[in-house]
C-alpha atoms as a PDB file:
ATOM      1  CA  UNK A   1      31.805  12.381  -2.753  1.00  0.00           C
ATOM      2  CA  UNK A   2      33.057  10.469  -5.774  1.00  0.00           C
ATOM      3  CA  UNK A   3      31.268   7.655  -7.555  1.00  0.00           C
ATOM      4  CA  UNK A   4      33.199   5.004  -5.602  1.00  0.00           C
ATOM      5  CA  UNK A   5      32.269   6.671  -2.309  1.00  0.00           C
ATOM      6  CA  UNK A   6      28.612   6.759  -3.304  1.00  0.00           C
ATOM      7  CA  UNK A   7      28.692   3.064  -4.228  1.00  0.00           C
ATOM      8  CA  UNK A   8      30.393   2.236  -0.934  1.00  0.00           C
ATOM      9  CA  UNK A   9      27.822   4.200   1.047  1.00  0.00           C
ATOM     10  CA  UNK A  10      24.966   2.575  -0.835  1.00  0.00           C
ATOM     11  CA  UNK A  11      26.500  -0.863  -0.160  1.00  0.00           C
ATOM     12  CA  UNK A  12      26.786  -0.112   3.536  1.00  0.00           C
ATOM     13  CA  UNK A  13      23.158   0.963   3.731  1.00  0.00           C
ATOM     14  CA  UNK A  14      22.068  -2.192   1.891  1.00  0.00           C
ATOM     15  CA  UNK A  15      24.023  -4.260   4.407  1.00  0.00           C
ATOM     16  CA  UNK A  16      22.226  -2.517   7.281  1.00  0.00           C
ATOM     17  CA  UNK A  17      18.853  -3.200   5.632  1.00  0.00           C
ATOM     18  CA  UNK A  18      19.758  -6.851   4.946  1.00  0.00           C
ATOM     19  CA  UNK A  19      20.952  -7.489   8.520  1.00  0.00           C
ATOM     20  CA  UNK A  20      17.821  -5.968  10.055  1.00  0.00           C
ATOM     21  CA  UNK A  21      15.608  -7.816   7.579  1.00  0.00           C
ATOM     22  CA  UNK A  22      17.191 -11.199   8.314  1.00  0.00           C
ATOM     23  CA  UNK A  23      16.920 -10.570  12.036  1.00  0.00           C
ATOM     24  CA  UNK A  24      13.245  -9.641  11.589  1.00  0.00           C
ATOM     25  CA  UNK A  25      12.611 -12.804   9.565  1.00  0.00           C
ATOM     26  CA  UNK A  26      14.123 -14.960  12.306  1.00  0.00           C
ATOM     27  CA  UNK A  27      12.069 -13.254  14.998  1.00  0.00           C
ATOM     28  CA  UNK A  28       8.967 -13.423  12.778  1.00  0.00           C
ATOM     29  CA  UNK A  29       9.455 -17.154  12.267  1.00  0.00           C
ATOM     30  CA  UNK A  30       9.450 -17.616  16.054  1.00  0.00           C
ATOM     31  CA  UNK A  31       6.072 -15.860  16.189  1.00  0.00           C
ATOM     32  CA  UNK A  32       4.743 -17.368  12.931  1.00  0.00           C
ATOM     33  CA  UNK A  33       2.050 -19.484  14.593  1.00  0.00           C
ATOM     34  CA  UNK A  34       0.497 -16.507  16.494  1.00  0.00           C
ATOM     35  CA  UNK A  35       0.684 -14.424  13.316  1.00  0.00           C
ATOM     36  CA  UNK A  36      -1.230 -17.081  11.375  1.00  0.00           C
ATOM     37  CA  UNK A  37      -3.781 -17.153  14.196  1.00  0.00           C
ATOM     38  CA  UNK A  38      -4.231 -13.399  13.674  1.00  0.00           C
ATOM     39  CA  UNK A  39      -4.776 -13.981   9.952  1.00  0.00           C
ATOM     40  CA  UNK A  40      -7.433 -16.587  10.828  1.00  0.00           C
ATOM     41  CA  UNK A  41      -9.495 -14.057  12.845  1.00  0.00           C
ATOM     42  CA  UNK A  42     -11.500 -12.682   9.851  1.00  0.00           C
ATOM     43  CA  UNK A  43     -12.683 -16.205   9.040  1.00  0.00           C
ATOM     44  CA  UNK A  44     -14.573 -16.190  12.384  1.00  0.00           C
ATOM     45  CA  UNK A  45     -14.069 -19.983  12.737  1.00  0.00           C
ATOM     46  CA  UNK A  46     -15.957 -20.642   9.493  1.00  0.00           C
ATOM     47  CA  UNK A  47     -13.440 -23.137   8.180  1.00  0.00           C
ATOM     48  CA  UNK A  48     -11.511 -26.206   9.230  1.00  0.00           C
ATOM     49  CA  UNK A  49      -7.961 -25.609   8.085  1.00  0.00           C
ATOM     50  CA  UNK A  50      -5.786 -28.424   6.785  1.00  0.00           C
ATOM     51  CA  UNK A  51      -2.426 -28.723   5.039  1.00  0.00           C
ATOM     52  CA  UNK A  52      -2.097 -31.009   2.034  1.00  0.00           C
ATOM     53  CA  UNK A  53       1.657 -31.571   1.988  1.00  0.00           C
ATOM     54  CA  UNK A  54       4.238 -32.314   4.698  1.00  0.00           C
ATOM     55  CA  UNK A  55       6.039 -29.017   4.012  1.00  0.00           C
ATOM     56  CA  UNK A  56       2.981 -26.796   3.458  1.00  0.00           C
ATOM     57  CA  UNK A  57       2.549 -25.525   6.982  1.00  0.00           C
ATOM     58  CA  UNK A  58       6.262 -24.841   7.373  1.00  0.00           C
ATOM     59  CA  UNK A  59       6.291 -22.878   4.124  1.00  0.00           C
ATOM     60  CA  UNK A  60       3.417 -20.749   5.387  1.00  0.00           C
ATOM     61  CA  UNK A  61       5.407 -20.011   8.543  1.00  0.00           C
ATOM     62  CA  UNK A  62       8.257 -18.832   6.315  1.00  0.00           C
ATOM     63  CA  UNK A  63       5.910 -16.748   4.133  1.00  0.00           C
ATOM     64  CA  UNK A  64       4.282 -15.046   7.108  1.00  0.00           C
ATOM     65  CA  UNK A  65       7.653 -14.345   8.745  1.00  0.00           C
ATOM     66  CA  UNK A  66       8.999 -12.768   5.530  1.00  0.00           C
ATOM     67  CA  UNK A  67       5.901 -10.566   5.136  1.00  0.00           C
ATOM     68  CA  UNK A  68       6.096  -9.540   8.780  1.00  0.00           C
ATOM     69  CA  UNK A  69       9.772  -8.714   8.349  1.00  0.00           C
ATOM     70  CA  UNK A  70       8.977  -6.510   5.331  1.00  0.00           C
ATOM     71  CA  UNK A  71       6.385  -4.646   7.368  1.00  0.00           C
ATOM     72  CA  UNK A  72       8.720  -4.166  10.325  1.00  0.00           C
ATOM     73  CA  UNK A  73      11.731  -3.115   8.264  1.00  0.00           C
ATOM     74  CA  UNK A  74       9.781  -0.831   5.902  1.00  0.00           C
ATOM     75  CA  UNK A  75      10.548   2.304   8.009  1.00  0.00           C
ATOM     76  CA  UNK A  76      14.224   1.328   8.128  1.00  0.00           C
ATOM     77  CA  UNK A  77      14.333   0.829   4.343  1.00  0.00           C
ATOM     78  CA  UNK A  78      12.656   4.182   3.718  1.00  0.00           C
ATOM     79  CA  UNK A  79      15.019   5.936   6.174  1.00  0.00           C
ATOM     80  CA  UNK A  80      18.144   4.439   4.624  1.00  0.00           C
ATOM     81  CA  UNK A  81      17.056   5.320   1.087  1.00  0.00           C
ATOM     82  CA  UNK A  82      16.153   8.851   2.106  1.00  0.00           C
ATOM     83  CA  UNK A  83      19.443   9.280   3.996  1.00  0.00           C
ATOM     84  CA  UNK A  84      21.365   8.123   0.908  1.00  0.00           C
ATOM     85  CA  UNK A  85      19.526  10.540  -1.406  1.00  0.00           C
ATOM     86  CA  UNK A  86      19.289  13.492   0.996  1.00  0.00           C
ATOM     87  CA  UNK A  87      22.714  15.076   0.191  1.00  0.00           C
ATOM     88  CA  UNK A  88      21.509  15.691  -3.362  1.00  0.00           C
ATOM     89  CA  UNK A  89      18.169  17.181  -2.341  1.00  0.00           C
ATOM     90  CA  UNK A  90      17.221  20.741  -1.456  1.00  0.00           C
ATOM     91  CA  UNK A  91      15.590  21.316   1.965  1.00  0.00           C
ATOM     92  CA  UNK A  92      12.172  21.770   0.327  1.00  0.00           C
ATOM     93  CA  UNK A  93      12.671  18.567  -1.680  1.00  0.00           C
ATOM     94  CA  UNK A  94      13.658  16.653   1.461  1.00  0.00           C
ATOM     95  CA  UNK A  95      10.476  17.789   3.168  1.00  0.00           C
ATOM     96  CA  UNK A  96       8.389  16.805   0.153  1.00  0.00           C
ATOM     97  CA  UNK A  97       9.975  13.329  -0.130  1.00  0.00           C
ATOM     98  CA  UNK A  98       9.622  12.724   3.589  1.00  0.00           C
ATOM     99  CA  UNK A  99       5.945  13.768   3.493  1.00  0.00           C
ATOM    100  CA  UNK A 100       5.311  11.486   0.494  1.00  0.00           C
ATOM    101  CA  UNK A 101       6.944   8.522   2.203  1.00  0.00           C
ATOM    102  CA  UNK A 102       5.049   8.987   5.436  1.00  0.00           C
ATOM    103  CA  UNK A 103       1.777   9.590   3.628  1.00  0.00           C
ATOM    104  CA  UNK A 104       2.308   6.528   1.434  1.00  0.00           C
ATOM    105  CA  UNK A 105       3.011   4.378   4.500  1.00  0.00           C
ATOM    106  CA  UNK A 106      -0.080   5.747   6.264  1.00  0.00           C
ATOM    107  CA  UNK A 107      -2.429   5.082   3.356  1.00  0.00           C
ATOM    108  CA  UNK A 108      -1.023   1.608   2.789  1.00  0.00           C
ATOM    109  CA  UNK A 109      -1.657   0.720   6.454  1.00  0.00           C
ATOM    110  CA  UNK A 110      -5.191   2.124   6.178  1.00  0.00           C
ATOM    111  CA  UNK A 111      -5.806  -0.075   3.136  1.00  0.00           C
ATOM    112  CA  UNK A 112      -4.579  -3.175   4.995  1.00  0.00           C
ATOM    113  CA  UNK A 113      -6.755  -2.342   8.020  1.00  0.00           C
ATOM    114  CA  UNK A 114      -9.793  -1.856   5.778  1.00  0.00           C
ATOM    115  CA  UNK A 115      -9.216  -5.214   4.073  1.00  0.00           C
ATOM    116  CA  UNK A 116      -8.618  -7.049   7.361  1.00  0.00           C
ATOM    117  CA  UNK A 117     -11.496  -5.616   9.401  1.00  0.00           C
ATOM    118  CA  UNK A 118     -14.220  -4.995   6.800  1.00  0.00           C
ATOM    119  CA  UNK A 119     -13.663  -6.508   3.354  1.00  0.00           C
ATOM    120  CA  UNK A 120     -12.224  -9.950   4.144  1.00  0.00           C
ATOM    121  CA  UNK A 121     -14.830 -10.929   6.783  1.00  0.00           C
ATOM    122  CA  UNK A 122     -17.604 -10.212   4.281  1.00  0.00           C
ATOM    123  CA  UNK A 123     -15.798 -12.048   1.496  1.00  0.00           C
ATOM    124  CA  UNK A 124     -15.166 -15.119   3.628  1.00  0.00           C
ATOM    125  CA  UNK A 125     -18.748 -15.150   4.877  1.00  0.00           C
ATOM    126  CA  UNK A 126     -19.929 -14.983   1.270  1.00  0.00           C
ATOM    127  CA  UNK A 127     -17.712 -17.917   0.264  1.00  0.00           C
ATOM    128  CA  UNK A 128     -18.969 -19.922   3.256  1.00  0.00           C
ATOM    129  CA  UNK A 129     -22.586 -19.205   2.356  1.00  0.00           C
ATOM    130  CA  UNK A 130     -22.028 -20.603  -1.134  1.00  0.00           C
ATOM    131  CA  UNK A 131     -20.557 -23.771   0.396  1.00  0.00           C
ATOM    132  CA  UNK A 132     -23.483 -24.207   2.805  1.00  0.00           C
ATOM    133  CA  UNK A 133     -26.048 -23.770   0.050  1.00  0.00           C
ATOM    134  CA  UNK A 134     -24.269 -26.308  -2.136  1.00  0.00           C
ATOM    135  CA  UNK A 135     -24.008 -28.822   0.705  1.00  0.00           C
ATOM    136  CA  UNK A 136     -20.247 -29.144   0.316  1.00  0.00           C
ATOM    137  CA  UNK A 137     -18.158 -29.140   3.453  1.00  0.00           C
ATOM    138  CA  UNK A 138     -15.155 -26.807   3.406  1.00  0.00           C
ATOM    139  CA  UNK A 139     -11.712 -28.173   4.240  1.00  0.00           C
ATOM    140  CA  UNK A 140      -9.522 -25.160   3.512  1.00  0.00           C
ATOM    141  CA  UNK A 141      -5.835 -25.485   2.755  1.00  0.00           C
ATOM    142  CA  UNK A 142      -3.861 -23.185   5.014  1.00  0.00           C
ATOM    143  CA  UNK A 143      -1.648 -22.294   2.009  1.00  0.00           C
ATOM    144  CA  UNK A 144      -4.648 -21.091  -0.014  1.00  0.00           C
ATOM    145  CA  UNK A 145      -6.064 -19.160   2.906  1.00  0.00           C
ATOM    146  CA  UNK A 146      -2.820 -17.376   3.819  1.00  0.00           C
ATOM    147  CA  UNK A 147      -2.225 -16.562   0.151  1.00  0.00           C
ATOM    148  CA  UNK A 148      -5.719 -15.048  -0.164  1.00  0.00           C
ATOM    149  CA  UNK A 149      -5.338 -12.981   2.989  1.00  0.00           C
ATOM    150  CA  UNK A 150      -1.919 -11.569   2.074  1.00  0.00           C
ATOM    151  CA  UNK A 151      -2.864 -10.850  -1.534  1.00  0.00           C
ATOM    152  CA  UNK A 152      -6.142  -9.064  -0.700  1.00  0.00           C
ATOM    153  CA  UNK A 153      -4.548  -6.957   2.041  1.00  0.00           C
ATOM    154  CA  UNK A 154      -1.668  -6.126  -0.289  1.00  0.00           C
ATOM    155  CA  UNK A 155      -3.994  -5.164  -3.146  1.00  0.00           C
ATOM    156  CA  UNK A 156      -6.101  -2.917  -0.892  1.00  0.00           C
ATOM    157  CA  UNK A 157      -2.940  -1.334   0.505  1.00  0.00           C
ATOM    158  CA  UNK A 158      -1.896  -0.454  -3.042  1.00  0.00           C
ATOM    159  CA  UNK A 159      -5.383   0.772  -3.936  1.00  0.00           C
ATOM    160  CA  UNK A 160      -5.241   3.167  -0.982  1.00  0.00           C
ATOM    161  CA  UNK A 161      -2.068   4.686  -2.480  1.00  0.00           C
ATOM    162  CA  UNK A 162      -4.221   6.533  -5.031  1.00  0.00           C
ATOM    163  CA  UNK A 163      -3.920   9.972  -3.317  1.00  0.00           C
ATOM    164  CA  UNK A 164      -0.133   9.597  -2.997  1.00  0.00           C
ATOM    165  CA  UNK A 165       0.191   8.653  -6.662  1.00  0.00           C
ATOM    166  CA  UNK A 166      -1.935  11.678  -7.552  1.00  0.00           C
ATOM    167  CA  UNK A 167       0.366  13.981  -5.580  1.00  0.00           C
ATOM    168  CA  UNK A 168       3.434  12.640  -7.366  1.00  0.00           C
ATOM    169  CA  UNK A 169       1.903  12.896 -10.847  1.00  0.00           C
ATOM    170  CA  UNK A 170       0.663  16.438 -10.137  1.00  0.00           C
ATOM    171  CA  UNK A 171       4.061  17.476  -8.782  1.00  0.00           C
ATOM    172  CA  UNK A 172       5.769  16.139 -11.922  1.00  0.00           C
ATOM    173  CA  UNK A 173       3.271  17.906 -14.172  1.00  0.00           C
ATOM    174  CA  UNK A 174       1.662  14.780 -15.608  1.00  0.00           C
ATOM    175  CA  UNK A 175      -1.690  15.400 -13.915  1.00  0.00           C
ATOM    176  CA  UNK A 176      -3.940  18.388 -13.303  1.00  0.00           C
ATOM    177  CA  UNK A 177      -6.861  18.684 -10.884  1.00  0.00           C
ATOM    178  CA  UNK A 178      -9.003  19.994 -13.727  1.00  0.00           C
ATOM    179  CA  UNK A 179      -8.552  16.695 -15.573  1.00  0.00           C
ATOM    180  CA  UNK A 180      -9.622  14.731 -12.514  1.00  0.00           C
ATOM    181  CA  UNK A 181     -12.749  16.824 -12.067  1.00  0.00           C
ATOM    182  CA  UNK A 182     -13.750  16.516 -15.715  1.00  0.00           C
ATOM    183  CA  UNK A 183     -13.217  12.754 -15.764  1.00  0.00           C
ATOM    184  CA  UNK A 184     -15.174  12.084 -12.569  1.00  0.00           C
ATOM    185  CA  UNK A 185     -17.965  10.146 -14.300  1.00  0.00           C
ATOM    186  CA  UNK A 186     -15.538   7.944 -16.176  1.00  0.00           C
ATOM    187  CA  UNK A 187     -13.518   7.290 -13.033  1.00  0.00           C
ATOM    188  CA  UNK A 188     -16.665   6.246 -11.117  1.00  0.00           C
ATOM    189  CA  UNK A 189     -17.451   3.637 -13.780  1.00  0.00           C
ATOM    190  CA  UNK A 190     -13.839   2.404 -13.762  1.00  0.00           C
ATOM    191  CA  UNK A 191     -13.871   2.171  -9.944  1.00  0.00           C
ATOM    192  CA  UNK A 192     -16.944  -0.038  -9.955  1.00  0.00           C
ATOM    193  CA  UNK A 193     -15.405  -2.238 -12.644  1.00  0.00           C
ATOM    194  CA  UNK A 194     -12.208  -2.614 -10.606  1.00  0.00           C
ATOM    195  CA  UNK A 195     -14.292  -3.335  -7.478  1.00  0.00           C
ATOM    196  CA  UNK A 196     -16.182  -6.051  -9.378  1.00  0.00           C
ATOM    197  CA  UNK A 197     -12.894  -7.648 -10.470  1.00  0.00           C
ATOM    198  CA  UNK A 198     -11.144  -7.766  -7.080  1.00  0.00           C
ATOM    199  CA  UNK A 199     -14.200  -8.852  -5.030  1.00  0.00           C
ATOM    200  CA  UNK A 200     -16.585 -11.827  -5.099  1.00  0.00           C
ATOM    201  CA  UNK A 201     -19.561 -11.560  -7.464  1.00  0.00           C
ATOM    202  CA  UNK A 202     -21.967 -10.023  -4.948  1.00  0.00           C
ATOM    203  CA  UNK A 203     -23.184  -6.463  -4.829  1.00  0.00           C
ATOM    204  CA  UNK A 204     -22.419  -5.895  -1.137  1.00  0.00           C
ATOM    205  CA  UNK A 205     -18.691  -6.636  -1.456  1.00  0.00           C
ATOM    206  CA  UNK A 206     -18.413  -4.566  -4.648  1.00  0.00           C
ATOM    207  CA  UNK A 207     -20.083  -1.556  -3.019  1.00  0.00           C
ATOM    208  CA  UNK A 208     -17.920  -1.959   0.117  1.00  0.00           C
ATOM    209  CA  UNK A 209     -14.778  -1.669  -2.037  1.00  0.00           C
ATOM    210  CA  UNK A 210     -16.136   0.982  -4.407  1.00  0.00           C
ATOM    211  CA  UNK A 211     -17.187   3.436  -1.678  1.00  0.00           C
ATOM    212  CA  UNK A 212     -13.707   3.884  -0.124  1.00  0.00           C
ATOM    213  CA  UNK A 213     -12.207   4.048  -3.637  1.00  0.00           C
ATOM    214  CA  UNK A 214     -14.621   6.870  -4.472  1.00  0.00           C
ATOM    215  CA  UNK A 215     -13.603   8.586  -1.238  1.00  0.00           C
ATOM    216  CA  UNK A 216      -9.949   8.159  -2.159  1.00  0.00           C
ATOM    217  CA  UNK A 217     -10.639   9.707  -5.560  1.00  0.00           C
ATOM    218  CA  UNK A 218     -12.204  12.760  -3.938  1.00  0.00           C
ATOM    219  CA  UNK A 219      -9.210  13.019  -1.579  1.00  0.00           C
ATOM    220  CA  UNK A 220      -6.930  12.743  -4.625  1.00  0.00           C
ATOM    221  CA  UNK A 221      -8.675  15.734  -6.234  1.00  0.00           C
ATOM    222  CA  UNK A 222      -8.157  17.779  -3.070  1.00  0.00           C
ATOM    223  CA  UNK A 223      -4.468  16.826  -2.820  1.00  0.00           C
ATOM    224  CA  UNK A 224      -3.934  17.496  -6.519  1.00  0.00           C
ATOM    225  CA  UNK A 225      -5.474  20.978  -6.151  1.00  0.00           C
ATOM    226  CA  UNK A 226      -3.255  21.706  -3.120  1.00  0.00           C
ATOM    227  CA  UNK A 227      -0.114  20.664  -4.995  1.00  0.00           C
ATOM    228  CA  UNK A 228      -1.148  22.702  -8.030  1.00  0.00           C
ATOM    229  CA  UNK A 229      -1.730  25.830  -5.937  1.00  0.00           C
ATOM    230  CA  UNK A 230       1.641  25.336  -4.233  1.00  0.00           C
ATOM    231  CA  UNK A 231       3.383  25.051  -7.603  1.00  0.00           C
ATOM    232  CA  UNK A 232       1.569  28.132  -8.950  1.00  0.00           C
ATOM    233  CA  UNK A 233       2.609  30.194  -5.915  1.00  0.00           C
ATOM    234  CA  UNK A 234       6.239  29.135  -6.320  1.00  0.00           C
ATOM    235  CA  UNK A 235       6.157  29.914 -10.040  1.00  0.00           C
ATOM    236  CA  UNK A 236       4.604  33.337  -9.440  1.00  0.00           C
ATOM    237  CA  UNK A 237       7.187  34.124  -6.754  1.00  0.00           C
ATOM    238  CA  UNK A 238      10.047  33.031  -9.004  1.00  0.00           C
ATOM    239  CA  UNK A 239       8.745  35.096 -11.932  1.00  0.00           C
ATOM    240  CA  UNK A 240       8.305  38.136  -9.688  1.00  0.00           C
ATOM    241  CA  UNK A 241      11.912  37.864  -8.473  1.00  0.00           C
ATOM    242  CA  UNK A 242      13.165  37.446 -12.053  1.00  0.00           C
ATOM    243  CA  UNK A 243      11.230  40.535 -13.163  1.00  0.00           C
ATOM    244  CA  UNK A 244      12.505  42.544 -10.240  1.00  0.00           C
ATOM    245  CA  UNK A 245      16.144  41.712 -11.049  1.00  0.00           C
ATOM    246  CA  UNK A 246      15.530  42.340 -14.722  1.00  0.00           C
ATOM    247  CA  UNK A 247      14.333  45.908 -14.218  1.00  0.00           C
ATOM    248  CA  UNK A 248      16.874  46.866 -11.576  1.00  0.00           C
END
């Protein structure tokens, strides 16, 4: 295929993604109210939600529908991008890219589930406790609440991508499992600092975030070692074949 053909194919795939995304947004807007009710579950009826502007609730419906559309169309986007790039990839490279995409999607979903079911309920309960002790009644803006929920779930989804990022960096030669093992103490300190930044100032929430991050770091070491061994085997096989042809 020439350059023009590649551009045309890429355009066609972008059109497919755009059409599916717009359709998902429209459907998501229809179900926006139930989706917001799902986001309100971790609050456990702690707050009375209000909206402070005539357009605020409508804008949250739009925001939730767009986020839902991104989630629904993510597999389609990944498939179209992989299908566009696949002609230039070797079979082994296709398998590696597909595995990375699926693994990345899996870990992101796990991060979102962790934030929704464990982290956010504790955070919201902590915020409510502060309000009760201060004697101030909470009237929570729905815009602020939805923004907090989406941002925390998104951040934890990205945090859970640590093993996938480790695989990519190891495959590209920028990272070695030996470096990860030697820097374990430093990484533990950094993890607790990051946990303190992205959580409320209480020990329970910080530990709840730090523990899975430590587990992800250990998983990253295992994945990095597996990728390194795979690369070493391929290199040894290639060198053996080169030596065999050289002495024939």
